Amino acid sequence: MVQASINFDISEGESRKETGIALACMERDDVLEQAREIAVYLAHLHGTVTIDCVTLEMQARGLHPELLGNAAGSVFRGPQWRFTGRWQKSARVSNHARVNRVWELADD
């Protein structure tokens, strides 16, 4: 029987996280930029926004949010966003009611 080794190294974990994020975003720059612009628009309109809100608006505009793939996790990355501390269950069936962060613009 082979025993797996479990490594603990926060620096290496952070490095791999950033590498993974960069890879997820690399070929999705256009759709990611559209999603970010929509997120800002919705935050100005409603005060707060979730990824579900962005997805719905993308669909309403004839865009294809599924093209974001794992880059969807980068829509709210950056200093302009602040996590409100609130969570909201996702209405998307494929998300199995998992919770999404609720975001607001940091400068508002």
N, C-alpha and C. Protein backbone atom coordinates (compact mmCIF):
# COMPACT_ATOMS: atom_id res chain seq x y z
N MET A 1 0.84 -1.18 0.00
CA MET A 1 0.00 0.00 0.00
C MET A 1 0.89 1.25 0.00
N VAL A 2 0.58 2.18 -0.90
CA VAL A 2 1.34 3.42 -1.00
C VAL A 2 0.72 4.46 -0.10
N GLN A 3 1.55 5.12 0.65
CA GLN A 3 1.05 6.17 1.54
C GLN A 3 1.36 7.53 0.92
N ALA A 4 0.33 8.35 0.78
CA ALA A 4 0.50 9.68 0.19
C ALA A 4 1.10 10.63 1.21
N SER A 5 1.88 11.55 0.71
CA SER A 5 2.49 12.56 1.56
C SER A 5 1.68 13.84 1.47
N ILE A 6 1.38 14.44 2.58
CA ILE A 6 0.64 15.70 2.62
C ILE A 6 1.62 16.79 3.03
N ASN A 7 1.75 17.79 2.14
CA ASN A 7 2.69 18.87 2.40
C ASN A 7 1.96 20.11 2.91
N PHE A 8 2.61 20.83 3.82
CA PHE A 8 2.09 22.08 4.35
C PHE A 8 3.13 23.16 4.09
N ASP A 9 2.77 24.12 3.24
CA ASP A 9 3.66 25.23 2.93
C ASP A 9 2.80 26.37 2.39
N ILE A 10 2.46 27.32 3.21
CA ILE A 10 1.55 28.40 2.83
C ILE A 10 2.10 29.22 1.66
N SER A 11 3.39 29.46 1.64
CA SER A 11 3.98 30.22 0.54
C SER A 11 3.83 29.50 -0.79
N GLU A 12 4.09 28.21 -0.78
CA GLU A 12 3.93 27.41 -2.00
C GLU A 12 2.46 27.35 -2.41
N GLY A 13 1.58 27.23 -1.45
CA GLY A 13 0.14 27.22 -1.74
C GLY A 13 -0.30 28.52 -2.38
N GLU A 14 0.16 29.65 -1.85
CA GLU A 14 -0.18 30.96 -2.42
C GLU A 14 0.37 31.10 -3.83
N SER A 15 1.58 30.64 -4.04
CA SER A 15 2.20 30.70 -5.36
C SER A 15 1.40 29.89 -6.38
N ARG A 16 1.01 28.70 -5.99
CA ARG A 16 0.23 27.85 -6.89
C ARG A 16 -1.16 28.45 -7.15
N LYS A 17 -1.73 29.09 -6.15
CA LYS A 17 -3.02 29.74 -6.33
C LYS A 17 -2.92 30.84 -7.39
N GLU A 18 -1.92 31.70 -7.27
CA GLU A 18 -1.75 32.80 -8.22
C GLU A 18 -1.47 32.29 -9.63
N THR A 19 -0.69 31.21 -9.73
CA THR A 19 -0.42 30.60 -11.03
C THR A 19 -1.71 30.06 -11.64
N GLY A 20 -2.51 29.41 -10.84
CA GLY A 20 -3.79 28.86 -11.32
C GLY A 20 -4.74 29.95 -11.77
N ILE A 21 -4.79 31.05 -11.03
CA ILE A 21 -5.65 32.17 -11.41
C ILE A 21 -5.20 32.76 -12.74
N ALA A 22 -3.91 32.95 -12.88
CA ALA A 22 -3.37 33.51 -14.13
C ALA A 22 -3.69 32.60 -15.31
N LEU A 23 -3.55 31.29 -15.13
CA LEU A 23 -3.86 30.35 -16.20
C LEU A 23 -5.34 30.37 -16.56
N ALA A 24 -6.20 30.46 -15.56
CA ALA A 24 -7.65 30.49 -15.80
C ALA A 24 -8.06 31.73 -16.58
N CYS A 25 -7.37 32.83 -16.36
CA CYS A 25 -7.73 34.10 -16.99
C CYS A 25 -7.06 34.32 -18.35
N MET A 26 -5.99 33.60 -18.61
CA MET A 26 -5.12 33.87 -19.75
C MET A 26 -5.88 33.98 -21.08
N GLU A 27 -6.69 33.01 -21.41
CA GLU A 27 -7.36 33.01 -22.70
C GLU A 27 -8.79 33.53 -22.62
N ARG A 28 -9.14 34.13 -21.51
CA ARG A 28 -10.50 34.61 -21.34
C ARG A 28 -10.54 36.12 -21.05
N ASP A 29 -9.51 36.82 -21.47
CA ASP A 29 -9.41 38.24 -21.17
C ASP A 29 -10.62 39.04 -21.62
N ASP A 30 -11.10 38.79 -22.84
CA ASP A 30 -12.22 39.57 -23.37
C ASP A 30 -13.50 39.37 -22.57
N VAL A 31 -13.87 38.12 -22.35
CA VAL A 31 -15.11 37.84 -21.62
C VAL A 31 -14.97 38.23 -20.15
N LEU A 32 -13.78 38.09 -19.59
CA LEU A 32 -13.54 38.49 -18.20
C LEU A 32 -13.68 40.00 -18.06
N GLU A 33 -13.14 40.75 -19.01
CA GLU A 33 -13.27 42.21 -18.98
C GLU A 33 -14.73 42.63 -19.10
N GLN A 34 -15.49 41.97 -19.95
CA GLN A 34 -16.92 42.27 -20.07
C GLN A 34 -17.64 41.99 -18.76
N ALA A 35 -17.33 40.88 -18.13
CA ALA A 35 -17.95 40.52 -16.86
C ALA A 35 -17.61 41.55 -15.78
N ARG A 36 -16.37 42.00 -15.75
CA ARG A 36 -15.96 43.01 -14.76
C ARG A 36 -16.69 44.33 -14.98
N GLU A 37 -16.84 44.73 -16.24
CA GLU A 37 -17.57 45.97 -16.54
C GLU A 37 -19.03 45.86 -16.11
N ILE A 38 -19.63 44.71 -16.35
CA ILE A 38 -21.00 44.48 -15.93
C ILE A 38 -21.11 44.49 -14.41
N ALA A 39 -20.15 43.90 -13.73
CA ALA A 39 -20.15 43.89 -12.27
C ALA A 39 -20.12 45.32 -11.72
N VAL A 40 -19.28 46.16 -12.29
CA VAL A 40 -19.21 47.57 -11.84
C VAL A 40 -20.54 48.27 -12.11
N TYR A 41 -21.08 48.06 -13.29
CA TYR A 41 -22.37 48.65 -13.65
C TYR A 41 -23.45 48.25 -12.64
N LEU A 42 -23.55 46.95 -12.34
CA LEU A 42 -24.56 46.46 -11.41
C LEU A 42 -24.34 46.98 -9.99
N ALA A 43 -23.09 47.08 -9.58
CA ALA A 43 -22.79 47.61 -8.24
C ALA A 43 -23.21 49.06 -8.13
N HIS A 44 -22.99 49.85 -9.19
CA HIS A 44 -23.45 51.24 -9.18
C HIS A 44 -24.97 51.31 -9.15
N LEU A 45 -25.61 50.40 -9.86
CA LEU A 45 -27.06 50.39 -9.97
C LEU A 45 -27.75 49.93 -8.69
N HIS A 46 -27.21 48.87 -8.07
CA HIS A 46 -27.89 48.23 -6.94
C HIS A 46 -27.15 48.35 -5.60
N GLY A 47 -25.91 48.80 -5.62
CA GLY A 47 -25.13 48.91 -4.39
C GLY A 47 -24.28 47.69 -4.11
N THR A 48 -24.81 46.50 -4.38
CA THR A 48 -24.06 45.26 -4.19
C THR A 48 -24.29 44.36 -5.40
N VAL A 49 -23.46 43.33 -5.51
CA VAL A 49 -23.53 42.44 -6.67
C VAL A 49 -22.92 41.08 -6.31
N THR A 50 -23.43 40.04 -6.95
CA THR A 50 -22.86 38.69 -6.82
C THR A 50 -22.51 38.19 -8.22
N ILE A 51 -21.82 37.08 -8.29
CA ILE A 51 -21.51 36.49 -9.59
C ILE A 51 -22.77 36.03 -10.29
N ASP A 52 -23.80 35.63 -9.56
CA ASP A 52 -25.08 35.28 -10.19
C ASP A 52 -25.68 36.48 -10.92
N CYS A 53 -25.61 37.65 -10.31
CA CYS A 53 -26.12 38.87 -10.93
C CYS A 53 -25.38 39.15 -12.24
N VAL A 54 -24.07 39.01 -12.20
CA VAL A 54 -23.24 39.25 -13.39
C VAL A 54 -23.61 38.24 -14.48
N THR A 55 -23.78 36.99 -14.12
CA THR A 55 -24.13 35.95 -15.07
C THR A 55 -25.47 36.24 -15.74
N LEU A 56 -26.47 36.63 -14.95
CA LEU A 56 -27.79 36.96 -15.51
C LEU A 56 -27.71 38.13 -16.48
N GLU A 57 -26.95 39.16 -16.11
CA GLU A 57 -26.83 40.33 -16.98
C GLU A 57 -26.08 39.99 -18.26
N MET A 58 -25.08 39.15 -18.14
CA MET A 58 -24.35 38.72 -19.34
C MET A 58 -25.31 38.00 -20.29
N GLN A 59 -26.13 37.11 -19.77
CA GLN A 59 -27.09 36.39 -20.60
C GLN A 59 -28.08 37.36 -21.24
N ALA A 60 -28.55 38.34 -20.46
CA ALA A 60 -29.51 39.32 -20.98
C ALA A 60 -28.91 40.13 -22.13
N ARG A 61 -27.60 40.30 -22.12
CA ARG A 61 -26.92 41.05 -23.17
C ARG A 61 -26.47 40.17 -24.33
N GLY A 62 -26.83 38.90 -24.28
CA GLY A 62 -26.46 37.98 -25.36
C GLY A 62 -25.03 37.49 -25.28
N LEU A 63 -24.41 37.67 -24.13
CA LEU A 63 -23.04 37.18 -23.93
C LEU A 63 -23.09 35.74 -23.40
N HIS A 64 -21.97 35.11 -23.31
CA HIS A 64 -21.92 33.71 -22.89
C HIS A 64 -21.08 33.57 -21.62
N PRO A 65 -21.71 33.71 -20.45
CA PRO A 65 -20.96 33.64 -19.19
C PRO A 65 -20.25 32.32 -18.96
N GLU A 66 -20.74 31.25 -19.59
CA GLU A 66 -20.08 29.95 -19.42
C GLU A 66 -18.65 29.97 -19.97
N LEU A 67 -18.36 30.92 -20.86
CA LEU A 67 -17.01 31.04 -21.40
C LEU A 67 -16.00 31.52 -20.36
N LEU A 68 -16.49 32.07 -19.26
CA LEU A 68 -15.59 32.50 -18.19
C LEU A 68 -14.87 31.30 -17.57
N GLY A 69 -15.56 30.19 -17.45
CA GLY A 69 -14.97 29.03 -16.80
C GLY A 69 -14.47 29.41 -15.41
N ASN A 70 -13.29 28.93 -15.06
CA ASN A 70 -12.72 29.22 -13.74
C ASN A 70 -12.33 30.68 -13.57
N ALA A 71 -12.26 31.43 -14.66
CA ALA A 71 -11.95 32.86 -14.57
C ALA A 71 -13.07 33.64 -13.88
N ALA A 72 -14.24 33.04 -13.75
CA ALA A 72 -15.34 33.69 -13.03
C ALA A 72 -14.92 34.06 -11.61
N GLY A 73 -14.03 33.29 -11.05
CA GLY A 73 -13.54 33.58 -9.70
C GLY A 73 -12.68 34.83 -9.63
N SER A 74 -12.33 35.40 -10.78
CA SER A 74 -11.49 36.60 -10.81
C SER A 74 -12.27 37.88 -11.11
N VAL A 75 -13.56 37.77 -11.31
CA VAL A 75 -14.36 38.95 -11.64
C VAL A 75 -14.21 40.02 -10.55
N PHE A 76 -14.20 39.63 -9.31
CA PHE A 76 -14.16 40.59 -8.21
C PHE A 76 -12.78 40.74 -7.57
N ARG A 77 -11.75 40.35 -8.28
CA ARG A 77 -10.38 40.54 -7.77
C ARG A 77 -9.94 41.96 -8.03
N GLY A 78 -9.33 42.57 -7.08
CA GLY A 78 -8.80 43.91 -7.27
C GLY A 78 -9.23 44.84 -6.14
N PRO A 79 -8.52 45.94 -6.01
CA PRO A 79 -8.76 46.85 -4.88
C PRO A 79 -10.08 47.61 -4.96
N GLN A 80 -10.74 47.61 -6.13
CA GLN A 80 -11.99 48.35 -6.24
C GLN A 80 -13.15 47.62 -5.58
N TRP A 81 -12.95 46.33 -5.22
CA TRP A 81 -14.01 45.53 -4.63
C TRP A 81 -13.80 45.28 -3.15
N ARG A 82 -14.91 45.26 -2.42
CA ARG A 82 -14.87 44.96 -0.98
C ARG A 82 -15.97 43.93 -0.70
N PHE A 83 -15.60 42.85 -0.03
CA PHE A 83 -16.56 41.84 0.41
C PHE A 83 -17.40 42.45 1.52
N THR A 84 -18.71 42.34 1.40
CA THR A 84 -19.61 42.95 2.38
C THR A 84 -19.69 42.17 3.68
N GLY A 85 -19.21 40.94 3.66
CA GLY A 85 -19.37 40.06 4.83
C GLY A 85 -20.65 39.23 4.73
N ARG A 86 -21.43 39.48 3.69
CA ARG A 86 -22.69 38.74 3.49
C ARG A 86 -22.51 37.68 2.40
N TRP A 87 -23.30 36.65 2.53
CA TRP A 87 -23.31 35.56 1.57
C TRP A 87 -24.73 35.39 1.06
N GLN A 88 -24.87 34.91 -0.18
CA GLN A 88 -26.19 34.68 -0.76
C GLN A 88 -26.16 33.35 -1.51
N LYS A 89 -27.18 32.53 -1.27
CA LYS A 89 -27.24 31.25 -1.97
C LYS A 89 -27.42 31.49 -3.46
N SER A 90 -26.70 30.71 -4.25
CA SER A 90 -26.81 30.80 -5.69
C SER A 90 -28.12 30.18 -6.16
N ALA A 91 -28.78 30.88 -7.08
CA ALA A 91 -30.02 30.36 -7.66
C ALA A 91 -29.75 29.46 -8.87
N ARG A 92 -28.51 29.44 -9.34
CA ARG A 92 -28.18 28.59 -10.48
C ARG A 92 -28.25 27.12 -10.07
N VAL A 93 -29.04 26.37 -10.77
CA VAL A 93 -29.24 24.96 -10.44
C VAL A 93 -27.92 24.21 -10.40
N SER A 94 -27.04 24.49 -11.35
CA SER A 94 -25.76 23.78 -11.42
C SER A 94 -24.84 24.08 -10.24
N ASN A 95 -25.14 25.13 -9.49
CA ASN A 95 -24.32 25.48 -8.32
C ASN A 95 -24.80 24.79 -7.04
N HIS A 96 -25.89 24.06 -7.13
CA HIS A 96 -26.40 23.27 -6.00
C HIS A 96 -26.59 24.11 -4.73
N ALA A 97 -27.08 25.34 -4.90
CA ALA A 97 -27.39 26.26 -3.80
C ALA A 97 -26.17 26.64 -2.96
N ARG A 98 -24.97 26.55 -3.54
CA ARG A 98 -23.79 27.00 -2.79
C ARG A 98 -23.90 28.49 -2.56
N VAL A 99 -23.12 29.01 -1.65
CA VAL A 99 -23.21 30.43 -1.34
C VAL A 99 -22.18 31.23 -2.13
N ASN A 100 -22.59 32.42 -2.54
CA ASN A 100 -21.73 33.37 -3.23
C ASN A 100 -21.48 34.56 -2.31
N ARG A 101 -20.32 35.15 -2.42
CA ARG A 101 -20.04 36.38 -1.70
C ARG A 101 -20.86 37.52 -2.30
N VAL A 102 -21.22 38.46 -1.47
CA VAL A 102 -21.88 39.68 -1.92
C VAL A 102 -20.83 40.78 -1.87
N TRP A 103 -20.64 41.46 -3.00
CA TRP A 103 -19.58 42.45 -3.16
C TRP A 103 -20.14 43.85 -3.30
N GLU A 104 -19.32 44.84 -2.96
CA GLU A 104 -19.63 46.24 -3.19
C GLU A 104 -18.36 46.93 -3.66
N LEU A 105 -18.55 48.06 -4.32
CA LEU A 105 -17.38 48.85 -4.73
C LEU A 105 -16.77 49.50 -3.51
N ALA A 106 -15.47 49.46 -3.41
CA ALA A 106 -14.77 49.98 -2.23
C ALA A 106 -14.86 51.50 -2.13
N ASP A 107 -15.01 52.19 -3.26
CA ASP A 107 -15.03 53.64 -3.24
C ASP A 107 -16.42 54.23 -3.01
N ASP A 108 -17.45 53.38 -2.89
CA ASP A 108 -18.81 53.88 -2.66
C ASP A 108 -19.10 54.04 -1.18
